[in-house]
Amino acid sequence: MPSEFLTFVPIIISLGLLVGGFIAFRQGYKQQMGVIEERVIDALKALNEAQERQIATCEKEIVRLKRVMNTIQIALKRRGLTIEINGDSITLIDNQGVSTRTMQINITDEHDVIPKDKV
């Protein structure tokens, strides 16, 4: 009987090592996944904060551009011109000569700038 038991000892030890290795691997895997998940969450939070700052900056720029547009409209009105913006077109009305000119708004790359000599 003891000799039969001794033949199973290496098998029992091997199974124990296999089960222990599997448990250790799972714990390591779970721990590593937790670390990766934490890093992804931190990166997404940073991205979200950056986008919120960009949105705030864009909102301020929109307000500024609306003020500039209103100032231009007032200045043109003082010179006898009215500017109307309707969707994709701008209409310039000469109140004195009763003439109008309508132009389509050209949508180009946001970084395109009209040279000063062409204005």
PDB file of N, CA and C in Angstrom:
ATOM      1  N   MET A   1       0.798  -1.190   0.000  1.00  0.00           N
ATOM      2  CA  MET A   1       0.000   0.000   0.000  1.00  0.00           C
ATOM      3  C   MET A   1       0.845   1.261   0.000  1.00  0.00           C
ATOM      4  N   PRO A   2       1.897   1.330   0.838  1.00  0.00           N
ATOM      5  CA  PRO A   2       2.700   2.536   0.793  1.00  0.00           C
ATOM      6  C   PRO A   2       3.359   2.735  -0.565  1.00  0.00           C
ATOM      7  N   SER A   3       3.718   1.676  -1.247  1.00  0.00           N
ATOM      8  CA  SER A   3       4.358   1.851  -2.546  1.00  0.00           C
ATOM      9  C   SER A   3       3.355   2.362  -3.581  1.00  0.00           C
ATOM     10  N   GLU A   4       2.099   1.948  -3.456  1.00  0.00           N
ATOM     11  CA  GLU A   4       1.065   2.460  -4.347  1.00  0.00           C
ATOM     12  C   GLU A   4       0.835   3.954  -4.095  1.00  0.00           C
ATOM     13  N   PHE A   5       0.881   4.324  -2.837  1.00  0.00           N
ATOM     14  CA  PHE A   5       0.701   5.728  -2.477  1.00  0.00           C
ATOM     15  C   PHE A   5       1.853   6.564  -3.022  1.00  0.00           C
ATOM     16  N   LEU A   6       3.062   6.021  -2.975  1.00  0.00           N
ATOM     17  CA  LEU A   6       4.228   6.750  -3.468  1.00  0.00           C
ATOM     18  C   LEU A   6       4.169   6.963  -4.976  1.00  0.00           C
ATOM     19  N   THR A   7       3.494   6.128  -5.686  1.00  0.00           N
ATOM     20  CA  THR A   7       3.385   6.321  -7.133  1.00  0.00           C
ATOM     21  C   THR A   7       2.430   7.465  -7.470  1.00  0.00           C
ATOM     22  N   PHE A   8       1.488   7.735  -6.586  1.00  0.00           N
ATOM     23  CA  PHE A   8       0.539   8.822  -6.824  1.00  0.00           C
ATOM     24  C   PHE A   8       1.022  10.177  -6.296  1.00  0.00           C
ATOM     25  N   VAL A   9       2.046  10.183  -5.465  1.00  0.00           N
ATOM     26  CA  VAL A   9       2.547  11.436  -4.888  1.00  0.00           C
ATOM     27  C   VAL A   9       2.993  12.415  -5.979  1.00  0.00           C
ATOM     28  N   PRO A  10       3.799  12.007  -6.978  1.00  0.00           N
ATOM     29  CA  PRO A  10       4.187  12.966  -8.022  1.00  0.00           C
ATOM     30  C   PRO A  10       2.981  13.506  -8.803  1.00  0.00           C
ATOM     31  N   ILE A  11       1.987  12.650  -9.003  1.00  0.00           N
ATOM     32  CA  ILE A  11       0.785  13.099  -9.729  1.00  0.00           C
ATOM     33  C   ILE A  11       0.031  14.117  -8.882  1.00  0.00           C
ATOM     34  N   ILE A  12      -0.119  13.853  -7.586  1.00  0.00           N
ATOM     35  CA  ILE A  12      -0.812  14.767  -6.681  1.00  0.00           C
ATOM     36  C   ILE A  12      -0.054  16.092  -6.594  1.00  0.00           C
ATOM     37  N   ILE A  13       1.258  16.031  -6.503  1.00  0.00           N
ATOM     38  CA  ILE A  13       2.080  17.251  -6.449  1.00  0.00           C
ATOM     39  C   ILE A  13       1.935  18.028  -7.758  1.00  0.00           C
ATOM     40  N   SER A  14       1.953  17.337  -8.880  1.00  0.00           N
ATOM     41  CA  SER A  14       1.812  17.994 -10.183  1.00  0.00           C
ATOM     42  C   SER A  14       0.449  18.681 -10.301  1.00  0.00           C
ATOM     43  N   LEU A  15      -0.604  17.959  -9.897  1.00  0.00           N
ATOM     44  CA  LEU A  15      -1.936  18.565  -9.932  1.00  0.00           C
ATOM     45  C   LEU A  15      -2.019  19.776  -9.008  1.00  0.00           C
ATOM     46  N   GLY A  16      -1.415  19.669  -7.821  1.00  0.00           N
ATOM     47  CA  GLY A  16      -1.396  20.793  -6.888  1.00  0.00           C
ATOM     48  C   GLY A  16      -0.669  21.997  -7.473  1.00  0.00           C
ATOM     49  N   LEU A  17       0.468  21.736  -8.107  1.00  0.00           N
ATOM     50  CA  LEU A  17       1.212  22.831  -8.748  1.00  0.00           C
ATOM     51  C   LEU A  17       0.422  23.437  -9.906  1.00  0.00           C
ATOM     52  N   LEU A  18      -0.251  22.579 -10.667  1.00  0.00           N
ATOM     53  CA  LEU A  18      -1.051  23.058 -11.792  1.00  0.00           C
ATOM     54  C   LEU A  18      -2.199  23.945 -11.298  1.00  0.00           C
ATOM     55  N   VAL A  19      -2.928  23.491 -10.283  1.00  0.00           N
ATOM     56  CA  VAL A  19      -4.032  24.274  -9.732  1.00  0.00           C
ATOM     57  C   VAL A  19      -3.508  25.564  -9.107  1.00  0.00           C
ATOM     58  N   GLY A  20      -2.420  25.478  -8.358  1.00  0.00           N
ATOM     59  CA  GLY A  20      -1.826  26.670  -7.741  1.00  0.00           C
ATOM     60  C   GLY A  20      -1.350  27.667  -8.786  1.00  0.00           C
ATOM     61  N   GLY A  21      -0.729  27.163  -9.842  1.00  0.00           N
ATOM     62  CA  GLY A  21      -0.279  28.036 -10.930  1.00  0.00           C
ATOM     63  C   GLY A  21      -1.443  28.722 -11.615  1.00  0.00           C
ATOM     64  N   PHE A  22      -2.527  27.965 -11.824  1.00  0.00           N
ATOM     65  CA  PHE A  22      -3.709  28.541 -12.454  1.00  0.00           C
ATOM     66  C   PHE A  22      -4.316  29.636 -11.586  1.00  0.00           C
ATOM     67  N   ILE A  23      -4.416  29.392 -10.299  1.00  0.00           N
ATOM     68  CA  ILE A  23      -4.968  30.394  -9.368  1.00  0.00           C
ATOM     69  C   ILE A  23      -4.072  31.632  -9.336  1.00  0.00           C
ATOM     70  N   ALA A  24      -2.760  31.419  -9.290  1.00  0.00           N
ATOM     71  CA  ALA A  24      -1.825  32.553  -9.285  1.00  0.00           C
ATOM     72  C   ALA A  24      -1.926  33.343 -10.585  1.00  0.00           C
ATOM     73  N   PHE A  25      -2.061  32.642 -11.706  1.00  0.00           N
ATOM     74  CA  PHE A  25      -2.187  33.310 -13.002  1.00  0.00           C
ATOM     75  C   PHE A  25      -3.461  34.151 -13.049  1.00  0.00           C
ATOM     76  N   ARG A  26      -4.576  33.589 -12.557  1.00  0.00           N
ATOM     77  CA  ARG A  26      -5.840  34.331 -12.551  1.00  0.00           C
ATOM     78  C   ARG A  26      -5.757  35.577 -11.691  1.00  0.00           C
ATOM     79  N   GLN A  27      -5.137  35.455 -10.515  1.00  0.00           N
ATOM     80  CA  GLN A  27      -5.016  36.619  -9.633  1.00  0.00           C
ATOM     81  C   GLN A  27      -4.139  37.686 -10.277  1.00  0.00           C
ATOM     82  N   GLY A  28      -3.036  37.259 -10.880  1.00  0.00           N
ATOM     83  CA  GLY A  28      -2.161  38.216 -11.575  1.00  0.00           C
ATOM     84  C   GLY A  28      -2.867  38.879 -12.737  1.00  0.00           C
ATOM     85  N   TYR A  29      -3.642  38.096 -13.467  1.00  0.00           N
ATOM     86  CA  TYR A  29      -4.390  38.624 -14.602  1.00  0.00           C
ATOM     87  C   TYR A  29      -5.426  39.640 -14.137  1.00  0.00           C
ATOM     88  N   LYS A  30      -6.162  39.301 -13.083  1.00  0.00           N
ATOM     89  CA  LYS A  30      -7.157  40.227 -12.545  1.00  0.00           C
ATOM     90  C   LYS A  30      -6.507  41.510 -12.052  1.00  0.00           C
ATOM     91  N   GLN A  31      -5.363  41.377 -11.389  1.00  0.00           N
ATOM     92  CA  GLN A  31      -4.668  42.552 -10.870  1.00  0.00           C
ATOM     93  C   GLN A  31      -4.190  43.431 -12.027  1.00  0.00           C
ATOM     94  N   GLN A  32      -3.631  42.805 -13.055  1.00  0.00           N
ATOM     95  CA  GLN A  32      -3.141  43.565 -14.212  1.00  0.00           C
ATOM     96  C   GLN A  32      -4.312  44.227 -14.937  1.00  0.00           C
ATOM     97  N   MET A  33      -5.438  43.544 -15.058  1.00  0.00           N
ATOM     98  CA  MET A  33      -6.609  44.136 -15.707  1.00  0.00           C
ATOM     99  C   MET A  33      -7.115  45.328 -14.902  1.00  0.00           C
ATOM    100  N   GLY A  34      -7.051  45.235 -13.578  1.00  0.00           N
ATOM    101  CA  GLY A  34      -7.462  46.362 -12.742  1.00  0.00           C
ATOM    102  C   GLY A  34      -6.579  47.573 -12.972  1.00  0.00           C
ATOM    103  N   VAL A  35      -5.273  47.345 -13.106  1.00  0.00           N
ATOM    104  CA  VAL A  35      -4.332  48.440 -13.353  1.00  0.00           C
ATOM    105  C   VAL A  35      -4.598  49.062 -14.721  1.00  0.00           C
ATOM    106  N   ILE A  36      -4.807  48.224 -15.723  1.00  0.00           N
ATOM    107  CA  ILE A  36      -5.083  48.730 -17.078  1.00  0.00           C
ATOM    108  C   ILE A  36      -6.399  49.504 -17.093  1.00  0.00           C
ATOM    109  N   GLU A  37      -7.407  48.962 -16.430  1.00  0.00           N
ATOM    110  CA  GLU A  37      -8.707  49.641 -16.370  1.00  0.00           C
ATOM    111  C   GLU A  37      -8.577  51.011 -15.703  1.00  0.00           C
ATOM    112  N   GLU A  38      -7.797  51.080 -14.648  1.00  0.00           N
ATOM    113  CA  GLU A  38      -7.580  52.349 -13.946  1.00  0.00           C
ATOM    114  C   GLU A  38      -6.885  53.361 -14.848  1.00  0.00           C
ATOM    115  N   ARG A  39      -5.903  52.898 -15.614  1.00  0.00           N
ATOM    116  CA  ARG A  39      -5.195  53.807 -16.532  1.00  0.00           C
ATOM    117  C   ARG A  39      -6.116  54.311 -17.625  1.00  0.00           C
ATOM    118  N   VAL A  40      -6.957  53.427 -18.152  1.00  0.00           N
ATOM    119  CA  VAL A  40      -7.893  53.838 -19.205  1.00  0.00           C
ATOM    120  C   VAL A  40      -8.882  54.866 -18.658  1.00  0.00           C
ATOM    121  N   ILE A  41      -9.386  54.636 -17.460  1.00  0.00           N
ATOM    122  CA  ILE A  41     -10.320  55.584 -16.845  1.00  0.00           C
ATOM    123  C   ILE A  41      -9.644  56.935 -16.646  1.00  0.00           C
ATOM    124  N   ASP A  42      -8.403  56.944 -16.166  1.00  0.00           N
ATOM    125  CA  ASP A  42      -7.677  58.202 -15.976  1.00  0.00           C
ATOM    126  C   ASP A  42      -7.470  58.926 -17.306  1.00  0.00           C
ATOM    127  N   ALA A  43      -7.128  58.162 -18.355  1.00  0.00           N
ATOM    128  CA  ALA A  43      -6.921  58.771 -19.674  1.00  0.00           C
ATOM    129  C   ALA A  43      -8.223  59.355 -20.208  1.00  0.00           C
ATOM    130  N   LEU A  44      -9.326  58.641 -20.036  1.00  0.00           N
ATOM    131  CA  LEU A  44     -10.617  59.148 -20.499  1.00  0.00           C
ATOM    132  C   LEU A  44     -11.052  60.382 -19.720  1.00  0.00           C
ATOM    133  N   LYS A  45     -10.777  60.418 -18.426  1.00  0.00           N
ATOM    134  CA  LYS A  45     -11.097  61.603 -17.630  1.00  0.00           C
ATOM    135  C   LYS A  45     -10.295  62.806 -18.112  1.00  0.00           C
ATOM    136  N   ALA A  46      -9.005  62.579 -18.388  1.00  0.00           N
ATOM    137  CA  ALA A  46      -8.160  63.675 -18.878  1.00  0.00           C
ATOM    138  C   ALA A  46      -8.662  64.170 -20.234  1.00  0.00           C
ATOM    139  N   LEU A  47      -9.047  63.238 -21.106  1.00  0.00           N
ATOM    140  CA  LEU A  47      -9.576  63.613 -22.415  1.00  0.00           C
ATOM    141  C   LEU A  47     -10.877  64.392 -22.268  1.00  0.00           C
ATOM    142  N   ASN A  48     -11.740  63.951 -21.367  1.00  0.00           N
ATOM    143  CA  ASN A  48     -13.002  64.633 -21.118  1.00  0.00           C
ATOM    144  C   ASN A  48     -12.772  66.057 -20.618  1.00  0.00           C
ATOM    145  N   GLU A  49     -11.835  66.221 -19.699  1.00  0.00           N
ATOM    146  CA  GLU A  49     -11.516  67.559 -19.182  1.00  0.00           C
ATOM    147  C   GLU A  49     -10.965  68.451 -20.284  1.00  0.00           C
ATOM    148  N   ALA A  50     -10.113  67.891 -21.144  1.00  0.00           N
ATOM    149  CA  ALA A  50      -9.565  68.678 -22.249  1.00  0.00           C
ATOM    150  C   ALA A  50     -10.678  69.103 -23.208  1.00  0.00           C
ATOM    151  N   GLN A  51     -11.603  68.198 -23.491  1.00  0.00           N
ATOM    152  CA  GLN A  51     -12.712  68.541 -24.381  1.00  0.00           C
ATOM    153  C   GLN A  51     -13.636  69.577 -23.752  1.00  0.00           C
ATOM    154  N   GLU A  52     -13.837  69.512 -22.445  1.00  0.00           N
ATOM    155  CA  GLU A  52     -14.655  70.524 -21.774  1.00  0.00           C
ATOM    156  C   GLU A  52     -13.997  71.898 -21.869  1.00  0.00           C
ATOM    157  N   ARG A  53     -12.659  71.935 -21.738  1.00  0.00           N
ATOM    158  CA  ARG A  53     -11.949  73.216 -21.895  1.00  0.00           C
ATOM    159  C   ARG A  53     -12.070  73.725 -23.331  1.00  0.00           C
ATOM    160  N   GLN A  54     -11.975  72.818 -24.309  1.00  0.00           N
ATOM    161  CA  GLN A  54     -12.123  73.220 -25.706  1.00  0.00           C
ATOM    162  C   GLN A  54     -13.522  73.766 -25.969  1.00  0.00           C
ATOM    163  N   ILE A  55     -14.531  73.117 -25.418  1.00  0.00           N
ATOM    164  CA  ILE A  55     -15.911  73.581 -25.600  1.00  0.00           C
ATOM    165  C   ILE A  55     -16.083  74.971 -25.000  1.00  0.00           C
ATOM    166  N   ALA A  56     -15.539  75.180 -23.811  1.00  0.00           N
ATOM    167  CA  ALA A  56     -15.643  76.496 -23.171  1.00  0.00           C
ATOM    168  C   ALA A  56     -14.945  77.555 -24.025  1.00  0.00           C
ATOM    169  N   THR A  57     -13.778  77.222 -24.568  1.00  0.00           N
ATOM    170  CA  THR A  57     -13.048  78.148 -25.431  1.00  0.00           C
ATOM    171  C   THR A  57     -13.851  78.455 -26.691  1.00  0.00           C
ATOM    172  N   CYS A  58     -14.439  77.427 -27.296  1.00  0.00           N
ATOM    173  CA  CYS A  58     -15.242  77.624 -28.508  1.00  0.00           C
ATOM    174  C   CYS A  58     -16.475  78.475 -28.218  1.00  0.00           C
ATOM    175  N   GLU A  59     -17.105  78.255 -27.080  1.00  0.00           N
ATOM    176  CA  GLU A  59     -18.275  79.055 -26.722  1.00  0.00           C
ATOM    177  C   GLU A  59     -17.900  80.521 -26.558  1.00  0.00           C
ATOM    178  N   LYS A  60     -16.753  80.785 -25.942  1.00  0.00           N
ATOM    179  CA  LYS A  60     -16.289  82.169 -25.793  1.00  0.00           C
ATOM    180  C   LYS A  60     -15.995  82.782 -27.162  1.00  0.00           C
ATOM    181  N   GLU A  61     -15.401  81.993 -28.059  1.00  0.00           N
ATOM    182  CA  GLU A  61     -15.089  82.489 -29.401  1.00  0.00           C
ATOM    183  C   GLU A  61     -16.367  82.784 -30.180  1.00  0.00           C
ATOM    184  N   ILE A  62     -17.383  81.958 -30.021  1.00  0.00           N
ATOM    185  CA  ILE A  62     -18.668  82.197 -30.692  1.00  0.00           C
ATOM    186  C   ILE A  62     -19.282  83.500 -30.203  1.00  0.00           C
ATOM    187  N   VAL A  63     -19.255  83.736 -28.903  1.00  0.00           N
ATOM    188  CA  VAL A  63     -19.789  84.984 -28.348  1.00  0.00           C
ATOM    189  C   VAL A  63     -19.012  86.167 -28.912  1.00  0.00           C
ATOM    190  N   ARG A  64     -17.684  86.051 -28.959  1.00  0.00           N
ATOM    191  CA  ARG A  64     -16.857  87.134 -29.492  1.00  0.00           C
ATOM    192  C   ARG A  64     -17.180  87.402 -30.955  1.00  0.00           C
ATOM    193  N   LEU A  65     -17.309  86.340 -31.748  1.00  0.00           N
ATOM    194  CA  LEU A  65     -17.597  86.511 -33.169  1.00  0.00           C
ATOM    195  C   LEU A  65     -18.992  87.104 -33.390  1.00  0.00           C
ATOM    196  N   LYS A  66     -19.950  86.746 -32.553  1.00  0.00           N
ATOM    197  CA  LYS A  66     -21.288  87.347 -32.659  1.00  0.00           C
ATOM    198  C   LYS A  66     -21.221  88.841 -32.364  1.00  0.00           C
ATOM    199  N   ARG A  67     -20.412  89.210 -31.377  1.00  0.00           N
ATOM    200  CA  ARG A  67     -20.247  90.641 -31.065  1.00  0.00           C
ATOM    201  C   ARG A  67     -19.595  91.375 -32.226  1.00  0.00           C
ATOM    202  N   VAL A  68     -18.587  90.751 -32.838  1.00  0.00           N
ATOM    203  CA  VAL A  68     -17.924  91.359 -33.997  1.00  0.00           C
ATOM    204  C   VAL A  68     -18.929  91.527 -35.128  1.00  0.00           C
ATOM    205  N   MET A  69     -19.736  90.494 -35.371  1.00  0.00           N
ATOM    206  CA  MET A  69     -20.733  90.566 -36.450  1.00  0.00           C
ATOM    207  C   MET A  69     -21.743  91.667 -36.176  1.00  0.00           C
ATOM    208  N   ASN A  70     -22.198  91.785 -34.948  1.00  0.00           N
ATOM    209  CA  ASN A  70     -23.139  92.856 -34.601  1.00  0.00           C
ATOM    210  C   ASN A  70     -22.503  94.225 -34.807  1.00  0.00           C
ATOM    211  N   THR A  71     -21.238  94.363 -34.435  1.00  0.00           N
ATOM    212  CA  THR A  71     -20.528  95.634 -34.627  1.00  0.00           C
ATOM    213  C   THR A  71     -20.421  95.971 -36.107  1.00  0.00           C
ATOM    214  N   ILE A  72     -20.131  94.974 -36.922  1.00  0.00           N
ATOM    215  CA  ILE A  72     -20.043  95.193 -38.380  1.00  0.00           C
ATOM    216  C   ILE A  72     -21.407  95.600 -38.924  1.00  0.00           C
ATOM    217  N   GLN A  73     -22.467  94.931 -38.466  1.00  0.00           N
ATOM    218  CA  GLN A  73     -23.810  95.286 -38.933  1.00  0.00           C
ATOM    219  C   GLN A  73     -24.160  96.721 -38.560  1.00  0.00           C
ATOM    220  N   ILE A  74     -23.828  97.137 -37.351  1.00  0.00           N
ATOM    221  CA  ILE A  74     -24.114  98.513 -36.919  1.00  0.00           C
ATOM    222  C   ILE A  74     -23.304  99.512 -37.748  1.00  0.00           C
ATOM    223  N   ALA A  75     -22.033  99.211 -37.980  1.00  0.00           N
ATOM    224  CA  ALA A  75     -21.186 100.113 -38.771  1.00  0.00           C
ATOM    225  C   ALA A  75     -21.702 100.234 -40.203  1.00  0.00           C
ATOM    226  N   LEU A  76     -22.114  99.125 -40.787  1.00  0.00           N
ATOM    227  CA  LEU A  76     -22.639  99.172 -42.151  1.00  0.00           C
ATOM    228  C   LEU A  76     -23.983  99.903 -42.205  1.00  0.00           C
ATOM    229  N   LYS A  77     -24.797  99.714 -41.179  1.00  0.00           N
ATOM    230  CA  LYS A  77     -26.099 100.394 -41.146  1.00  0.00           C
ATOM    231  C   LYS A  77     -25.902 101.907 -41.100  1.00  0.00           C
ATOM    232  N   ARG A  78     -24.880 102.361 -40.362  1.00  0.00           N
ATOM    233  CA  ARG A  78     -24.585 103.799 -40.300  1.00  0.00           C
ATOM    234  C   ARG A  78     -24.162 104.335 -41.664  1.00  0.00           C
ATOM    235  N   ARG A  79     -23.626 103.477 -42.508  1.00  0.00           N
ATOM    236  CA  ARG A  79     -23.208 103.890 -43.853  1.00  0.00           C
ATOM    237  C   ARG A  79     -24.314 103.650 -44.887  1.00  0.00           C
ATOM    238  N   GLY A  80     -25.471 103.227 -44.402  1.00  0.00           N
ATOM    239  CA  GLY A  80     -26.592 103.050 -45.321  1.00  0.00           C
ATOM    240  C   GLY A  80     -26.682 101.644 -45.896  1.00  0.00           C
ATOM    241  N   LEU A  81     -26.011 100.704 -45.309  1.00  0.00           N
ATOM    242  CA  LEU A  81     -26.060  99.323 -45.796  1.00  0.00           C
ATOM    243  C   LEU A  81     -26.635  98.427 -44.707  1.00  0.00           C
ATOM    244  N   THR A  82     -27.412  97.455 -45.130  1.00  0.00           N
ATOM    245  CA  THR A  82     -27.955  96.471 -44.194  1.00  0.00           C
ATOM    246  C   THR A  82     -27.439  95.103 -44.614  1.00  0.00           C
ATOM    247  N   ILE A  83     -27.039  94.332 -43.638  1.00  0.00           N
ATOM    248  CA  ILE A  83     -26.560  92.983 -43.929  1.00  0.00           C
ATOM    249  C   ILE A  83     -27.518  91.990 -43.286  1.00  0.00           C
ATOM    250  N   GLU A  84     -27.968  91.022 -44.079  1.00  0.00           N
ATOM    251  CA  GLU A  84     -28.857  89.976 -43.585  1.00  0.00           C
ATOM    252  C   GLU A  84     -28.183  88.631 -43.797  1.00  0.00           C
ATOM    253  N   ILE A  85     -28.228  87.821 -42.764  1.00  0.00           N
ATOM    254  CA  ILE A  85     -27.638  86.491 -42.854  1.00  0.00           C
ATOM    255  C   ILE A  85     -28.774  85.481 -42.748  1.00  0.00           C
ATOM    256  N   ASN A  86     -28.954  84.710 -43.815  1.00  0.00           N
ATOM    257  CA  ASN A  86     -30.024  83.717 -43.874  1.00  0.00           C
ATOM    258  C   ASN A  86     -29.418  82.359 -44.220  1.00  0.00           C
ATOM    259  N   GLY A  87     -29.162  81.574 -43.218  1.00  0.00           N
ATOM    260  CA  GLY A  87     -28.630  80.226 -43.459  1.00  0.00           C
ATOM    261  C   GLY A  87     -27.283  80.257 -44.161  1.00  0.00           C
ATOM    262  N   ASP A  88     -27.280  79.861 -45.446  1.00  0.00           N
ATOM    263  CA  ASP A  88     -26.025  79.769 -46.203  1.00  0.00           C
ATOM    264  C   ASP A  88     -25.760  80.980 -47.088  1.00  0.00           C
ATOM    265  N   SER A  89     -26.540  82.038 -46.918  1.00  0.00           N
ATOM    266  CA  SER A  89     -26.321  83.207 -47.778  1.00  0.00           C
ATOM    267  C   SER A  89     -26.318  84.486 -46.962  1.00  0.00           C
ATOM    268  N   ILE A  90     -25.606  85.462 -47.509  1.00  0.00           N
ATOM    269  CA  ILE A  90     -25.539  86.796 -46.915  1.00  0.00           C
ATOM    270  C   ILE A  90     -26.062  87.769 -47.964  1.00  0.00           C
ATOM    271  N   THR A  91     -26.975  88.620 -47.555  1.00  0.00           N
ATOM    272  CA  THR A  91     -27.522  89.629 -48.463  1.00  0.00           C
ATOM    273  C   THR A  91     -27.106  91.003 -47.960  1.00  0.00           C
ATOM    274  N   LEU A  92     -26.504  91.781 -48.850  1.00  0.00           N
ATOM    275  CA  LEU A  92     -26.078  93.146 -48.548  1.00  0.00           C
ATOM    276  C   LEU A  92     -27.056  94.082 -49.266  1.00  0.00           C
ATOM    277  N   ILE A  93     -27.747  94.899 -48.496  1.00  0.00           N
ATOM    278  CA  ILE A  93     -28.786  95.779 -49.045  1.00  0.00           C
ATOM    279  C   ILE A  93     -28.318  97.227 -48.920  1.00  0.00           C
ATOM    280  N   ASP A  94     -28.309  97.921 -50.054  1.00  0.00           N
ATOM    281  CA  ASP A  94     -27.970  99.341 -50.071  1.00  0.00           C
ATOM    282  C   ASP A  94     -29.267 100.122 -49.905  1.00  0.00           C
ATOM    283  N   ASN A  95     -29.442 100.717 -48.739  1.00  0.00           N
ATOM    284  CA  ASN A  95     -30.691 101.416 -48.438  1.00  0.00           C
ATOM    285  C   ASN A  95     -30.865 102.691 -49.253  1.00  0.00           C
ATOM    286  N   GLN A  96     -29.763 103.274 -49.699  1.00  0.00           N
ATOM    287  CA  GLN A  96     -29.867 104.525 -50.439  1.00  0.00           C
ATOM    288  C   GLN A  96     -30.178 104.278 -51.909  1.00  0.00           C
ATOM    289  N   GLY A  97     -29.495 103.313 -52.508  1.00  0.00           N
ATOM    290  CA  GLY A  97     -29.695 103.032 -53.935  1.00  0.00           C
ATOM    291  C   GLY A  97     -30.673 101.907 -54.180  1.00  0.00           C
ATOM    292  N   VAL A  98     -31.197 101.347 -53.154  1.00  0.00           N
ATOM    293  CA  VAL A  98     -32.154 100.257 -53.199  1.00  0.00           C
ATOM    294  C   VAL A  98     -31.635  99.116 -54.070  1.00  0.00           C
ATOM    295  N   SER A  99     -30.383  98.760 -53.895  1.00  0.00           N
ATOM    296  CA  SER A  99     -29.841  97.591 -54.585  1.00  0.00           C
ATOM    297  C   SER A  99     -29.460  96.540 -53.557  1.00  0.00           C
ATOM    298  N   THR A 100     -29.483  95.302 -53.994  1.00  0.00           N
ATOM    299  CA  THR A 100     -29.120  94.210 -53.101  1.00  0.00           C
ATOM    300  C   THR A 100     -28.113  93.298 -53.780  1.00  0.00           C
ATOM    301  N   ARG A 101     -27.348  92.638 -52.983  1.00  0.00           N
ATOM    302  CA  ARG A 101     -26.391  91.651 -53.493  1.00  0.00           C
ATOM    303  C   ARG A 101     -26.396  90.479 -52.520  1.00  0.00           C
ATOM    304  N   THR A 102     -26.627  89.288 -53.040  1.00  0.00           N
ATOM    305  CA  THR A 102     -26.651  88.085 -52.215  1.00  0.00           C
ATOM    306  C   THR A 102     -25.461  87.209 -52.586  1.00  0.00           C
ATOM    307  N   MET A 103     -24.787  86.738 -51.563  1.00  0.00           N
ATOM    308  CA  MET A 103     -23.619  85.873 -51.772  1.00  0.00           C
ATOM    309  C   MET A 103     -23.779  84.623 -50.917  1.00  0.00           C
ATOM    310  N   GLN A 104     -23.350  83.505 -51.470  1.00  0.00           N
ATOM    311  CA  GLN A 104     -23.335  82.258 -50.715  1.00  0.00           C
ATOM    312  C   GLN A 104     -22.155  82.269 -49.747  1.00  0.00           C
ATOM    313  N   ILE A 105     -22.372  81.728 -48.572  1.00  0.00           N
ATOM    314  CA  ILE A 105     -21.274  81.603 -47.614  1.00  0.00           C
ATOM    315  C   ILE A 105     -20.413  80.439 -48.068  1.00  0.00           C
ATOM    316  N   ASN A 106     -19.144  80.707 -48.288  1.00  0.00           N
ATOM    317  CA  ASN A 106     -18.203  79.683 -48.735  1.00  0.00           C
ATOM    318  C   ASN A 106     -17.654  78.967 -47.519  1.00  0.00           C
ATOM    319  N   ILE A 107     -17.989  77.704 -47.372  1.00  0.00           N
ATOM    320  CA  ILE A 107     -17.508  76.929 -46.236  1.00  0.00           C
ATOM    321  C   ILE A 107     -16.189  76.298 -46.629  1.00  0.00           C
ATOM    322  N   THR A 108     -15.124  76.765 -45.976  1.00  0.00           N
ATOM    323  CA  THR A 108     -13.785  76.251 -46.252  1.00  0.00           C
ATOM    324  C   THR A 108     -13.176  75.749 -44.960  1.00  0.00           C
ATOM    325  N   ASP A 109     -11.954  75.321 -45.064  1.00  0.00           N
ATOM    326  CA  ASP A 109     -11.232  74.845 -43.891  1.00  0.00           C
ATOM    327  C   ASP A 109     -11.188  75.956 -42.862  1.00  0.00           C
ATOM    328  N   GLU A 110     -11.374  75.600 -41.603  1.00  0.00           N
ATOM    329  CA  GLU A 110     -11.435  76.594 -40.535  1.00  0.00           C
ATOM    330  C   GLU A 110     -10.148  77.404 -40.407  1.00  0.00           C
ATOM    331  N   HIS A 111      -9.053  76.902 -40.940  1.00  0.00           N
ATOM    332  CA  HIS A 111      -7.779  77.600 -40.804  1.00  0.00           C
ATOM    333  C   HIS A 111      -7.472  78.475 -42.019  1.00  0.00           C
ATOM    334  N   ASP A 112      -8.372  78.447 -43.033  1.00  0.00           N
ATOM    335  CA  ASP A 112      -8.172  79.317 -44.191  1.00  0.00           C
ATOM    336  C   ASP A 112      -8.384  80.760 -43.772  1.00  0.00           C
ATOM    337  N   VAL A 113      -7.478  81.591 -44.193  1.00  0.00           N
ATOM    338  CA  VAL A 113      -7.566  83.013 -43.862  1.00  0.00           C
ATOM    339  C   VAL A 113      -7.547  83.784 -45.172  1.00  0.00           C
ATOM    340  N   ILE A 114      -8.424  84.758 -45.277  1.00  0.00           N
ATOM    341  CA  ILE A 114      -8.465  85.603 -46.465  1.00  0.00           C
ATOM    342  C   ILE A 114      -7.338  86.609 -46.350  1.00  0.00           C
ATOM    343  N   PRO A 115      -6.442  86.681 -47.335  1.00  0.00           N
ATOM    344  CA  PRO A 115      -5.371  87.676 -47.270  1.00  0.00           C
ATOM    345  C   PRO A 115      -5.938  89.081 -47.222  1.00  0.00           C
ATOM    346  N   LYS A 116      -5.244  89.983 -46.521  1.00  0.00           N
ATOM    347  CA  LYS A 116      -5.722  91.363 -46.321  1.00  0.00           C
ATOM    348  C   LYS A 116      -5.869  92.101 -47.649  1.00  0.00           C
ATOM    349  N   ASP A 117      -5.040  91.790 -48.646  1.00  0.00           N
ATOM    350  CA  ASP A 117      -5.141  92.510 -49.917  1.00  0.00           C
ATOM    351  C   ASP A 117      -6.352  92.089 -50.736  1.00  0.00           C
ATOM    352  N   LYS A 118      -7.034  90.993 -50.349  1.00  0.00           N
ATOM    353  CA  LYS A 118      -8.218  90.552 -51.092  1.00  0.00           C
ATOM    354  C   LYS A 118      -9.506  90.957 -50.399  1.00  0.00           C
ATOM    355  N   VAL A 119      -9.421  91.618 -49.259  1.00  0.00           N
ATOM    356  CA  VAL A 119     -10.620  92.025 -48.517  1.00  0.00           C
ATOM    357  C   VAL A 119     -11.143  93.309 -49.076  1.00  0.00           C
TER     358      VAL A 119
END
